[in-house]
Amino acid sequence: MPLTLIYVVASVTVVVLILYILINNSPWLIDGELKMSNININSNSMLVVSDLHVDANSSDLSVISELVRRSGVNTIVIAGDLIDRRVKVNNNELRIMLRWVTQRLGLINDNGSKLTLIYVRSESSHDPEIKDDEPVGIRFGNVLIITVPRAIKVNFPNCSDAVYIAHGDYTVSDGLLAGLINIASLTLLKLPIMELITRRMLNANRDDWVVIGHTHLPVISSRFKVANPGSWKSIFFINPYNGYVLIRCVNNRLIVKLGRVN
């Protein structure tokens, strides 16, 4: 067989293999439109963190409570992979799990300010699997936890623009593959492809922001209005960033910043 033909066959095989892997790891190509919950918050600021993997993370995660206090917010969103294990749970088991997690984050304080924690669950390899597909509310002392599947659209009282938040696994379900895609696109094209695809999929308006997790890579782009706080746990060769996205509505305009806890 001629050498040129061998190269052609090998190239076609690699392309087909890549397409096969992408299609089988891209739920949006098969399932269509992503179901989303609308949430109205009563303040003009919030924090977003992601990929804490609390049950597989030995770090002192009580720094989250200090981050909330310093930021002066009363709403924090966990953009998926709060729990490392993917297990089926009933409502009582979910309550026990979330109480333990909230204590690990140092958020429960009977004398503290009221805090709303919105937990956007991953639907792939991490986070508990529950029957209820609708938002579920659970209160522990000063903390109200709202668990929501897939994605949310957050509306601020004094901003016409919104923030869409998803884990990112609906775009590419495998986290390692999603991270590799972003590493390649950021290195070669200077573009956060995962965030941009998710933004397109969510059909966000021009001035809306989109925040995801999943890739474990911190990203912020004012040009494209996308952000990713990165992970609080290492995965293979990607180190934890311990990042957060702080969002404020000021004069009917969203101000979004990427920060890091050292």
Protein backbone atom coordinates (compact mmCIF):
# COMPACT_ATOMS: atom_id res chain seq x y z
CA MET A 1 0.00 0.00 0.00
CA PRO A 2 1.43 3.44 -0.95
CA LEU A 3 2.66 5.58 1.95
CA THR A 4 0.35 8.47 0.97
CA LEU A 5 -2.69 6.20 1.13
CA ILE A 6 -1.63 4.96 4.56
CA TYR A 7 -1.48 8.57 5.81
CA VAL A 8 -4.94 9.29 4.36
CA VAL A 9 -6.48 6.19 5.93
CA ALA A 10 -4.82 6.93 9.28
CA SER A 11 -5.98 10.58 9.20
CA VAL A 12 -9.57 9.63 8.34
CA THR A 13 -9.57 7.02 11.11
CA VAL A 14 -8.35 9.56 13.67
CA VAL A 15 -10.96 12.14 12.58
CA VAL A 16 -13.77 9.55 12.74
CA LEU A 17 -12.58 8.43 16.18
CA ILE A 18 -12.49 12.02 17.46
CA LEU A 19 -15.97 12.72 16.08
CA TYR A 20 -17.27 9.51 17.64
CA ILE A 21 -15.86 10.44 21.05
CA LEU A 22 -17.23 14.00 20.84
CA ILE A 23 -20.71 12.90 19.75
CA ASN A 24 -20.91 10.30 22.50
CA ASN A 25 -19.80 12.88 25.07
CA SER A 26 -22.04 15.73 23.88
CA PRO A 27 -25.56 15.32 25.31
CA TRP A 28 -26.80 18.50 23.59
CA LEU A 29 -26.32 16.86 20.18
CA ILE A 30 -28.68 14.04 21.19
CA ASP A 31 -31.08 15.49 23.77
CA GLY A 32 -31.64 18.90 22.17
CA GLU A 33 -32.66 21.92 24.24
CA LEU A 34 -31.28 22.20 27.77
CA LYS A 35 -33.92 22.49 30.49
CA MET A 36 -33.34 25.59 32.61
CA SER A 37 -34.77 27.09 35.82
CA ASN A 38 -35.39 30.83 36.26
CA ILE A 39 -34.28 32.19 39.64
CA ASN A 40 -34.87 35.74 40.89
CA ILE A 41 -32.53 36.83 43.68
CA ASN A 42 -33.22 39.68 46.10
CA SER A 43 -29.78 41.29 45.96
CA ASN A 44 -27.49 42.79 43.34
CA SER A 45 -24.45 40.59 43.95
CA MET A 46 -23.54 36.92 44.14
CA LEU A 47 -20.60 34.51 44.16
CA VAL A 48 -20.10 31.50 41.89
CA VAL A 49 -17.73 28.64 42.70
CA SER A 50 -17.49 25.21 41.10
CA ASP A 51 -15.93 21.76 41.26
CA LEU A 52 -15.36 21.60 45.02
CA HIS A 53 -15.58 17.76 45.09
CA VAL A 54 -16.04 18.07 48.85
CA ASP A 55 -16.05 14.36 49.74
CA ALA A 56 -12.76 13.83 47.87
CA ASN A 57 -11.13 17.09 48.93
CA SER A 58 -8.97 17.22 52.08
CA SER A 59 -8.44 21.00 51.88
CA ASP A 60 -9.87 23.40 54.46
CA LEU A 61 -13.03 24.43 52.62
CA SER A 62 -14.27 26.63 55.47
CA VAL A 63 -12.46 29.43 53.63
CA ILE A 64 -15.63 29.56 51.51
CA SER A 65 -17.51 31.08 54.45
CA GLU A 66 -14.81 33.74 54.86
CA LEU A 67 -14.99 34.45 51.13
CA VAL A 68 -18.76 34.95 51.42
CA ARG A 69 -18.30 37.26 54.41
CA ARG A 70 -15.59 39.38 52.74
CA SER A 71 -17.57 39.66 49.52
CA GLY A 72 -20.68 40.87 51.34
CA VAL A 73 -23.01 38.63 49.33
CA ASN A 74 -26.06 36.71 50.50
CA THR A 75 -26.25 34.41 47.45
CA ILE A 76 -23.66 31.83 46.43
CA VAL A 77 -23.99 29.45 43.48
CA ILE A 78 -22.19 26.10 43.25
CA ALA A 79 -21.88 25.38 39.52
CA GLY A 80 -21.80 21.59 39.83
CA ASP A 81 -19.49 18.85 41.11
CA LEU A 82 -20.07 19.83 44.71
CA ILE A 83 -19.99 16.10 45.51
CA ASP A 84 -17.44 13.80 43.91
CA ARG A 85 -19.48 10.59 44.03
CA ARG A 86 -22.33 9.89 41.60
CA VAL A 87 -24.93 8.02 43.70
CA LYS A 88 -28.71 7.77 43.72
CA VAL A 89 -30.21 9.32 46.87
CA ASN A 90 -33.67 9.98 48.25
CA ASN A 91 -34.68 13.31 49.77
CA ASN A 92 -33.64 12.31 53.29
CA GLU A 93 -30.22 11.10 52.14
CA LEU A 94 -29.81 14.31 50.12
CA ARG A 95 -30.61 16.35 53.24
CA ILE A 96 -27.99 14.50 55.32
CA MET A 97 -25.41 14.91 52.54
CA LEU A 98 -26.05 18.64 52.12
CA ARG A 99 -25.94 19.32 55.87
CA TRP A 100 -22.48 17.72 56.03
CA VAL A 101 -21.33 19.68 52.98
CA THR A 102 -22.64 22.97 54.36
CA GLN A 103 -20.77 22.33 57.60
CA ARG A 104 -17.55 21.57 55.66
CA LEU A 105 -17.92 24.95 53.94
CA GLY A 106 -18.41 26.65 57.32
CA LEU A 107 -21.66 28.28 56.23
CA ILE A 108 -24.08 27.23 58.98
CA ASN A 109 -24.27 29.84 61.70
CA ASP A 110 -27.44 30.26 63.77
CA ASN A 111 -26.44 33.86 64.53
CA GLY A 112 -25.17 34.60 61.03
CA SER A 113 -26.74 36.48 58.15
CA LYS A 114 -29.22 34.65 55.95
CA LEU A 115 -27.56 32.99 52.97
CA THR A 116 -29.01 31.36 49.87
CA LEU A 117 -26.91 28.59 48.34
CA ILE A 118 -28.01 27.57 44.84
CA TYR A 119 -26.62 24.18 43.90
CA VAL A 120 -26.66 23.51 40.14
CA ARG A 121 -26.15 19.76 39.95
CA SER A 122 -24.04 18.01 37.34
CA GLU A 123 -25.89 15.29 35.46
CA SER A 124 -22.87 13.19 34.46
CA SER A 125 -20.19 11.49 36.56
CA HIS A 126 -20.47 13.50 39.80
CA ASP A 127 -23.12 14.90 42.18
CA PRO A 128 -26.04 12.96 43.66
CA GLU A 129 -28.75 11.67 41.37
CA ILE A 130 -32.25 12.41 42.67
CA LYS A 131 -35.69 11.65 41.27
CA ASP A 132 -37.08 15.17 41.52
CA ASP A 133 -36.31 17.16 38.37
CA GLU A 134 -37.63 20.39 39.90
CA PRO A 135 -35.79 22.75 42.31
CA VAL A 136 -35.66 21.39 45.87
CA GLY A 137 -35.33 23.73 48.88
CA ILE A 138 -33.68 22.65 52.17
CA ARG A 139 -32.89 24.94 55.13
CA PHE A 140 -30.16 24.55 57.74
CA GLY A 141 -30.20 27.41 60.26
CA ASN A 142 -29.30 30.58 58.36
CA VAL A 143 -28.66 28.74 55.05
CA LEU A 144 -31.32 27.98 52.45
CA ILE A 145 -30.07 25.48 49.86
CA ILE A 146 -31.86 25.26 46.52
CA THR A 147 -30.77 22.29 44.41
CA VAL A 148 -31.43 22.61 40.68
CA PRO A 149 -30.54 20.25 37.80
CA ARG A 150 -28.63 21.28 34.68
CA ALA A 151 -28.78 25.10 34.38
CA ILE A 152 -30.24 28.30 35.80
CA LYS A 153 -30.91 31.83 34.63
CA VAL A 154 -30.34 34.30 37.46
CA ASN A 155 -32.18 37.61 37.37
CA PHE A 156 -31.09 40.59 39.49
CA PRO A 157 -33.62 43.13 40.85
CA ASN A 158 -31.90 46.15 39.27
CA CYS A 159 -30.35 44.68 36.12
CA SER A 160 -32.04 43.95 32.82
CA ASP A 161 -29.21 41.56 31.89
CA ALA A 162 -29.07 38.05 33.35
CA VAL A 163 -26.46 35.46 34.29
CA TYR A 164 -26.74 31.89 33.00
CA ILE A 165 -25.02 29.24 35.10
CA ALA A 166 -24.48 25.59 34.20
CA HIS A 167 -21.93 22.98 35.12
CA GLY A 168 -20.90 22.47 31.50
CA ASP A 169 -21.33 18.71 31.26
CA TYR A 170 -24.31 19.10 28.93
CA THR A 171 -21.86 20.46 26.36
CA VAL A 172 -19.23 17.72 26.81
CA SER A 173 -20.03 15.18 29.52
CA ASP A 174 -16.49 13.94 30.22
CA GLY A 175 -14.66 16.47 32.39
CA LEU A 176 -11.15 15.47 31.30
CA LEU A 177 -12.14 15.72 27.63
CA ALA A 178 -13.74 19.11 28.26
CA GLY A 179 -10.55 20.32 29.95
CA LEU A 180 -8.37 19.09 27.10
CA ILE A 181 -10.61 20.82 24.56
CA ASN A 182 -10.26 24.11 26.44
CA ILE A 183 -6.51 23.74 26.89
CA ALA A 184 -6.14 23.23 23.13
CA SER A 185 -8.50 26.05 22.17
CA LEU A 186 -7.01 28.53 24.65
CA THR A 187 -3.46 27.65 23.57
CA LEU A 188 -4.00 27.59 19.82
CA LEU A 189 -6.92 29.97 19.28
CA LYS A 190 -7.02 32.06 22.48
CA LEU A 191 -10.69 31.10 22.71
CA PRO A 192 -12.57 29.35 25.57
CA ILE A 193 -14.44 26.95 23.29
CA MET A 194 -16.33 25.12 26.06
CA GLU A 195 -17.74 28.35 27.46
CA LEU A 196 -18.59 29.68 24.00
CA ILE A 197 -20.43 26.51 22.96
CA THR A 198 -22.38 26.54 26.21
CA ARG A 199 -23.23 30.21 25.72
CA ARG A 200 -24.58 29.43 22.25
CA MET A 201 -26.51 26.44 23.56
CA LEU A 202 -28.13 28.53 26.32
CA ASN A 203 -29.15 31.17 23.75
CA ALA A 204 -27.97 34.00 26.01
CA ASN A 205 -28.54 37.60 24.91
CA ARG A 206 -25.60 39.78 23.89
CA ASP A 207 -25.14 41.47 27.27
CA ASP A 208 -25.94 38.42 29.41
CA TRP A 209 -23.08 36.52 31.06
CA VAL A 210 -22.54 32.74 31.08
CA VAL A 211 -20.62 30.98 33.87
CA ILE A 212 -19.73 27.28 33.86
CA GLY A 213 -17.35 24.91 35.66
CA HIS A 214 -16.45 21.35 34.62
CA THR A 215 -13.15 22.01 32.79
CA HIS A 216 -11.26 22.84 36.04
CA LEU A 217 -9.69 25.77 34.13
CA PRO A 218 -10.26 29.40 35.24
CA VAL A 219 -11.51 31.65 32.44
CA ILE A 220 -12.90 35.13 32.09
CA SER A 221 -13.62 37.04 28.91
CA SER A 222 -15.33 40.44 28.92
CA ARG A 223 -15.40 40.28 25.13
CA PHE A 224 -17.49 37.11 25.02
CA LYS A 225 -19.06 37.56 28.47
CA VAL A 226 -18.13 34.10 29.72
CA ALA A 227 -16.38 32.96 32.88
CA ASN A 228 -15.26 29.85 34.73
CA PRO A 229 -14.03 29.91 38.36
CA GLY A 230 -11.87 26.81 37.93
CA SER A 231 -11.67 23.92 40.37
CA TRP A 232 -10.88 23.49 44.06
CA LYS A 233 -9.47 19.99 43.48
CA SER A 234 -6.73 18.74 41.17
CA ILE A 235 -7.50 16.42 38.28
CA PHE A 236 -4.61 14.63 36.62
CA PHE A 237 -2.25 17.44 35.49
CA ILE A 238 -4.63 20.35 36.23
CA ASN A 239 -3.93 21.90 39.64
CA PRO A 240 -6.67 23.43 41.82
CA TYR A 241 -7.17 27.14 41.25
CA ASN A 242 -9.43 27.83 44.27
CA GLY A 243 -11.23 30.45 42.24
CA TYR A 244 -14.54 32.27 42.32
CA VAL A 245 -16.54 34.57 40.10
CA LEU A 246 -17.97 37.66 41.79
CA ILE A 247 -20.91 39.25 39.99
CA ARG A 248 -22.41 42.63 40.87
CA CYS A 249 -25.17 44.65 39.26
CA VAL A 250 -24.13 48.32 39.24
CA ASN A 251 -26.16 51.00 37.46
CA ASN A 252 -28.07 48.36 35.46
CA ARG A 253 -24.78 46.81 34.30
CA LEU A 254 -23.20 43.49 35.25
CA ILE A 255 -19.67 43.76 36.66
CA VAL A 256 -17.98 40.33 36.64
CA LYS A 257 -14.60 39.53 38.18
CA LEU A 258 -12.55 36.36 38.53
CA GLY A 259 -10.81 35.98 41.87
CA ARG A 260 -8.73 33.44 43.73
CA VAL A 261 -8.31 32.31 47.34
CA ASN A 262 -4.62 31.82 48.11
